[in-house]
N, C-alpha and C. Protein backbone atom coordinates (compact mmCIF):
# COMPACT_ATOMS: atom_id res chain seq x y z
N MET A 1 2.57 59.96 47.90
CA MET A 1 3.94 60.41 48.05
C MET A 1 4.91 59.55 47.26
N ARG A 2 4.63 58.23 47.23
CA ARG A 2 5.49 57.30 46.48
C ARG A 2 5.53 57.66 45.01
N ILE A 3 4.40 58.09 44.46
CA ILE A 3 4.35 58.47 43.05
C ILE A 3 5.19 59.72 42.81
N ILE A 4 5.10 60.69 43.69
CA ILE A 4 5.88 61.93 43.54
C ILE A 4 7.37 61.62 43.56
N ILE A 5 7.80 60.76 44.47
CA ILE A 5 9.22 60.41 44.55
C ILE A 5 9.65 59.68 43.28
N ALA A 6 8.83 58.74 42.81
CA ALA A 6 9.17 57.99 41.61
C ALA A 6 9.28 58.92 40.40
N VAL A 7 8.32 59.83 40.24
CA VAL A 7 8.37 60.79 39.12
C VAL A 7 9.61 61.67 39.23
N PHE A 8 9.90 62.15 40.44
CA PHE A 8 11.09 62.96 40.64
C PHE A 8 12.35 62.20 40.23
N LEU A 9 12.45 60.93 40.64
CA LEU A 9 13.63 60.14 40.29
C LEU A 9 13.72 59.91 38.79
N PHE A 10 12.59 59.66 38.13
CA PHE A 10 12.60 59.49 36.67
C PHE A 10 13.05 60.76 35.97
N VAL A 11 12.53 61.89 36.39
CA VAL A 11 12.91 63.17 35.76
C VAL A 11 14.37 63.49 36.03
N LEU A 12 14.82 63.28 37.28
CA LEU A 12 16.23 63.51 37.61
C LEU A 12 17.13 62.62 36.76
N ALA A 13 16.77 61.36 36.62
CA ALA A 13 17.56 60.44 35.80
C ALA A 13 17.59 60.92 34.34
N ALA A 14 16.45 61.34 33.83
CA ALA A 14 16.39 61.81 32.44
C ALA A 14 17.25 63.06 32.23
N VAL A 15 17.22 63.97 33.18
CA VAL A 15 18.04 65.18 33.07
C VAL A 15 19.53 64.81 33.13
N CYS A 16 19.88 63.89 34.02
CA CYS A 16 21.28 63.46 34.10
C CYS A 16 21.73 62.77 32.81
N GLU A 17 20.90 61.88 32.28
CA GLU A 17 21.28 61.18 31.06
C GLU A 17 21.40 62.16 29.89
N THR A 18 20.44 63.04 29.74
CA THR A 18 20.46 64.00 28.64
C THR A 18 21.67 64.92 28.77
N THR A 19 21.95 65.40 29.97
CA THR A 19 23.09 66.29 30.18
C THR A 19 24.41 65.58 29.90
N GLY A 20 24.55 64.35 30.41
CA GLY A 20 25.78 63.59 30.18
C GLY A 20 26.03 63.35 28.71
N LEU A 21 24.99 62.95 28.00
CA LEU A 21 25.13 62.71 26.56
C LEU A 21 25.40 64.00 25.81
N LEU A 22 24.76 65.08 26.22
CA LEU A 22 24.97 66.37 25.56
C LEU A 22 26.41 66.84 25.72
N LEU A 23 26.99 66.65 26.89
CA LEU A 23 28.37 67.06 27.10
C LEU A 23 29.32 66.32 26.16
N GLY A 24 29.11 65.02 26.01
CA GLY A 24 29.91 64.26 25.06
C GLY A 24 29.69 64.72 23.63
N TRP A 25 28.44 64.97 23.28
CA TRP A 25 28.09 65.45 21.93
C TRP A 25 28.80 66.77 21.64
N LYS A 26 28.73 67.68 22.60
CA LYS A 26 29.35 69.00 22.42
C LYS A 26 30.86 68.87 22.21
N ALA A 27 31.52 68.02 23.00
CA ALA A 27 32.97 67.86 22.89
C ALA A 27 33.36 67.27 21.53
N VAL A 28 32.62 66.28 21.08
CA VAL A 28 32.98 65.59 19.84
C VAL A 28 32.47 66.32 18.60
N LYS A 29 31.20 66.72 18.61
CA LYS A 29 30.58 67.28 17.41
C LYS A 29 30.72 68.79 17.27
N GLU A 30 30.92 69.48 18.39
CA GLU A 30 30.95 70.93 18.34
C GLU A 30 32.27 71.51 18.84
N ALA A 31 33.29 70.66 18.92
CA ALA A 31 34.64 71.08 19.30
C ALA A 31 34.69 71.87 20.61
N ARG A 32 33.88 71.46 21.56
CA ARG A 32 33.95 72.06 22.89
C ARG A 32 35.11 71.45 23.65
N PRO A 33 35.45 71.98 24.82
CA PRO A 33 36.62 71.46 25.55
C PRO A 33 36.52 69.95 25.81
N LEU A 34 37.65 69.28 25.75
CA LEU A 34 37.67 67.83 25.96
C LEU A 34 37.28 67.43 27.38
N TRP A 35 37.39 68.35 28.34
CA TRP A 35 36.98 68.00 29.71
C TRP A 35 35.48 67.79 29.80
N PHE A 36 34.73 68.19 28.76
CA PHE A 36 33.29 67.89 28.73
C PHE A 36 33.07 66.37 28.75
N ILE A 37 33.99 65.61 28.17
CA ILE A 37 33.81 64.16 28.10
C ILE A 37 33.84 63.51 29.48
N PRO A 38 34.89 63.70 30.29
CA PRO A 38 34.84 63.07 31.62
C PRO A 38 33.71 63.62 32.50
N LEU A 39 33.38 64.89 32.31
CA LEU A 39 32.25 65.44 33.07
C LEU A 39 30.96 64.74 32.64
N GLY A 40 30.80 64.52 31.35
CA GLY A 40 29.62 63.80 30.85
C GLY A 40 29.56 62.38 31.39
N ILE A 41 30.71 61.72 31.45
CA ILE A 41 30.76 60.35 32.00
C ILE A 41 30.35 60.36 33.47
N LEU A 42 30.82 61.35 34.23
CA LEU A 42 30.43 61.47 35.64
C LEU A 42 28.92 61.67 35.78
N VAL A 43 28.35 62.53 34.96
CA VAL A 43 26.91 62.78 35.04
C VAL A 43 26.14 61.51 34.64
N LEU A 44 26.65 60.76 33.66
CA LEU A 44 26.00 59.49 33.30
C LEU A 44 26.09 58.47 34.43
N ALA A 45 27.18 58.49 35.19
CA ALA A 45 27.29 57.60 36.35
C ALA A 45 26.26 57.99 37.41
N ILE A 46 26.03 59.28 37.58
CA ILE A 46 25.00 59.73 38.52
C ILE A 46 23.63 59.24 38.05
N TYR A 47 23.38 59.32 36.74
CA TYR A 47 22.13 58.81 36.16
C TYR A 47 21.95 57.34 36.54
N MET A 48 23.00 56.55 36.38
CA MET A 48 22.91 55.13 36.71
C MET A 48 22.55 54.93 38.18
N PHE A 49 23.19 55.70 39.04
CA PHE A 49 22.97 55.58 40.47
C PHE A 49 21.55 56.01 40.85
N VAL A 50 21.06 57.11 40.27
CA VAL A 50 19.71 57.61 40.58
C VAL A 50 18.67 56.53 40.29
N ASN A 51 18.86 55.81 39.19
CA ASN A 51 17.87 54.77 38.82
C ASN A 51 17.76 53.67 39.87
N THR A 52 18.80 53.43 40.63
CA THR A 52 18.76 52.35 41.62
C THR A 52 17.83 52.66 42.79
N PHE A 53 17.40 53.91 42.92
CA PHE A 53 16.50 54.27 44.02
C PHE A 53 15.03 53.94 43.73
N GLN A 54 14.72 53.58 42.48
CA GLN A 54 13.34 53.23 42.17
C GLN A 54 12.96 51.94 42.91
N THR A 55 11.70 51.84 43.28
CA THR A 55 11.25 50.66 44.02
C THR A 55 10.67 49.59 43.10
N PHE A 56 10.54 49.88 41.82
CA PHE A 56 10.02 48.90 40.87
C PHE A 56 11.11 47.91 40.48
N SER A 57 10.71 46.82 39.85
CA SER A 57 11.70 45.90 39.31
C SER A 57 12.49 46.62 38.22
N PHE A 58 13.68 46.11 37.92
CA PHE A 58 14.52 46.78 36.93
C PHE A 58 13.81 46.90 35.58
N GLY A 59 13.19 45.82 35.12
CA GLY A 59 12.54 45.83 33.81
C GLY A 59 11.44 46.87 33.72
N ARG A 60 10.58 46.89 34.70
CA ARG A 60 9.49 47.88 34.68
C ARG A 60 10.03 49.30 34.84
N SER A 61 10.96 49.44 35.75
CA SER A 61 11.55 50.77 35.97
C SER A 61 12.17 51.29 34.68
N TYR A 62 12.91 50.43 34.00
CA TYR A 62 13.58 50.85 32.78
C TYR A 62 12.58 51.14 31.66
N ALA A 63 11.51 50.35 31.60
CA ALA A 63 10.47 50.61 30.60
C ALA A 63 9.79 51.95 30.84
N LEU A 64 9.43 52.21 32.08
CA LEU A 64 8.83 53.50 32.42
C LEU A 64 9.81 54.63 32.14
N TYR A 65 11.05 54.44 32.54
CA TYR A 65 12.05 55.46 32.33
C TYR A 65 12.25 55.76 30.85
N GLY A 66 12.20 54.73 30.01
CA GLY A 66 12.35 54.94 28.56
C GLY A 66 11.34 55.95 28.04
N GLY A 67 10.10 55.82 28.49
CA GLY A 67 9.07 56.78 28.09
C GLY A 67 9.36 58.17 28.61
N VAL A 68 9.77 58.24 29.87
CA VAL A 68 10.09 59.55 30.46
C VAL A 68 11.26 60.18 29.72
N PHE A 69 12.27 59.38 29.36
CA PHE A 69 13.42 59.92 28.65
C PHE A 69 13.01 60.51 27.30
N ILE A 70 12.17 59.81 26.56
CA ILE A 70 11.72 60.32 25.26
C ILE A 70 11.00 61.65 25.43
N LEU A 71 10.10 61.72 26.40
CA LEU A 71 9.38 62.97 26.64
C LEU A 71 10.34 64.08 27.07
N THR A 72 11.31 63.75 27.92
CA THR A 72 12.29 64.74 28.36
C THR A 72 13.13 65.23 27.18
N ALA A 73 13.48 64.33 26.28
CA ALA A 73 14.27 64.72 25.11
C ALA A 73 13.51 65.71 24.24
N ILE A 74 12.21 65.50 24.07
CA ILE A 74 11.40 66.43 23.29
C ILE A 74 11.33 67.79 23.97
N VAL A 75 11.08 67.79 25.28
CA VAL A 75 11.00 69.07 26.02
C VAL A 75 12.36 69.77 25.99
N TRP A 76 13.45 69.02 26.20
CA TRP A 76 14.80 69.58 26.16
C TRP A 76 15.04 70.26 24.81
N ALA A 77 14.70 69.57 23.73
CA ALA A 77 14.90 70.12 22.38
C ALA A 77 14.08 71.40 22.19
N MET A 78 12.87 71.41 22.74
CA MET A 78 12.03 72.61 22.63
C MET A 78 12.65 73.78 23.40
N LEU A 79 13.15 73.52 24.61
CA LEU A 79 13.67 74.58 25.46
C LEU A 79 15.04 75.09 25.01
N PHE A 80 15.90 74.19 24.55
CA PHE A 80 17.29 74.57 24.32
C PHE A 80 17.74 74.56 22.86
N ASP A 81 16.98 73.90 21.99
CA ASP A 81 17.41 73.80 20.59
C ASP A 81 16.43 74.47 19.62
N GLY A 82 15.38 75.09 20.13
CA GLY A 82 14.42 75.74 19.25
C GLY A 82 13.55 74.77 18.47
N PHE A 83 13.49 73.52 18.90
CA PHE A 83 12.68 72.50 18.23
C PHE A 83 11.20 72.78 18.42
N ARG A 84 10.45 72.66 17.37
CA ARG A 84 9.00 72.81 17.44
C ARG A 84 8.36 71.50 16.98
N PRO A 85 7.70 70.80 17.90
CA PRO A 85 7.12 69.50 17.55
C PRO A 85 6.02 69.63 16.50
N ASP A 86 5.97 68.66 15.60
CA ASP A 86 4.90 68.61 14.62
C ASP A 86 3.83 67.62 15.11
N ARG A 87 2.84 67.37 14.29
CA ARG A 87 1.74 66.47 14.69
C ARG A 87 2.25 65.08 15.06
N GLY A 88 3.22 64.59 14.30
CA GLY A 88 3.78 63.27 14.58
C GLY A 88 4.46 63.22 15.95
N ASP A 89 5.17 64.28 16.29
CA ASP A 89 5.82 64.34 17.60
C ASP A 89 4.79 64.35 18.72
N VAL A 90 3.75 65.16 18.53
CA VAL A 90 2.69 65.25 19.55
C VAL A 90 1.96 63.93 19.68
N LEU A 91 1.64 63.30 18.55
CA LEU A 91 0.96 62.00 18.59
C LEU A 91 1.85 60.96 19.27
N GLY A 92 3.13 60.92 18.89
CA GLY A 92 4.05 59.97 19.51
C GLY A 92 4.17 60.18 21.00
N ALA A 93 4.27 61.44 21.43
CA ALA A 93 4.37 61.75 22.85
C ALA A 93 3.09 61.33 23.59
N THR A 94 1.96 61.52 22.95
CA THR A 94 0.68 61.11 23.56
C THR A 94 0.64 59.60 23.73
N ILE A 95 1.07 58.88 22.70
CA ILE A 95 1.09 57.41 22.78
C ILE A 95 2.03 56.96 23.91
N ILE A 96 3.18 57.63 24.02
CA ILE A 96 4.13 57.30 25.09
C ILE A 96 3.51 57.54 26.46
N LEU A 97 2.82 58.67 26.62
CA LEU A 97 2.16 58.95 27.90
C LEU A 97 1.13 57.88 28.24
N ILE A 98 0.39 57.44 27.24
CA ILE A 98 -0.60 56.37 27.46
C ILE A 98 0.13 55.08 27.86
N GLY A 99 1.24 54.77 27.19
CA GLY A 99 2.02 53.58 27.54
C GLY A 99 2.55 53.62 28.95
N ILE A 100 3.06 54.79 29.34
CA ILE A 100 3.54 54.96 30.72
C ILE A 100 2.40 54.72 31.70
N ALA A 101 1.23 55.28 31.42
CA ALA A 101 0.08 55.12 32.32
C ALA A 101 -0.33 53.65 32.42
N VAL A 102 -0.35 52.95 31.31
CA VAL A 102 -0.73 51.53 31.32
C VAL A 102 0.24 50.73 32.19
N ILE A 103 1.53 50.94 32.00
CA ILE A 103 2.53 50.22 32.81
C ILE A 103 2.41 50.63 34.27
N TRP A 104 2.31 51.94 34.52
CA TRP A 104 2.27 52.45 35.89
C TRP A 104 1.07 51.89 36.65
N PHE A 105 -0.11 51.95 36.06
CA PHE A 105 -1.30 51.47 36.76
C PHE A 105 -1.28 49.96 36.90
N GLY A 106 -0.57 49.27 36.01
CA GLY A 106 -0.37 47.83 36.19
C GLY A 106 0.46 47.56 37.42
N ILE A 107 1.46 48.42 37.66
CA ILE A 107 2.31 48.29 38.85
C ILE A 107 1.49 48.58 40.11
N ALA A 108 0.64 49.60 40.04
CA ALA A 108 -0.13 50.01 41.21
C ALA A 108 -1.05 48.88 41.68
N ARG A 109 -1.49 48.03 40.78
CA ARG A 109 -2.40 46.94 41.16
C ARG A 109 -1.66 45.81 41.88
N GLN A 110 -0.35 45.76 41.73
CA GLN A 110 0.42 44.68 42.32
C GLN A 110 0.95 45.06 43.68
N THR A 111 1.19 44.07 44.46
CA THR A 111 1.84 44.32 45.75
C THR A 111 3.34 44.27 45.56
N HIS A 112 4.06 45.01 46.38
CA HIS A 112 5.52 45.03 46.28
C HIS A 112 6.12 44.22 47.39
């Protein structure tokens, strides 16, 4: 159950971060309404708060989250921007998944 909660929090944080940054991007780069900026800042604040619920140390949590964020960014681009990953993207994502697993299983061996 702890793993499911941790994964949920990582994915929720990644969605919040991506959404917050996208709102700012849209306002500045695509001339969307300026209220996108404060809304993006609010969503980024939620991202910050969500991360505090992880039970890992900050360093490990942030390292794991970095991998989750990269994977989320690729999936987001595929779903919403028509991005099609090439071999390099797939290889990089695979390496990231392996890195996440190495860090995660290192955590599992330790007591909290």
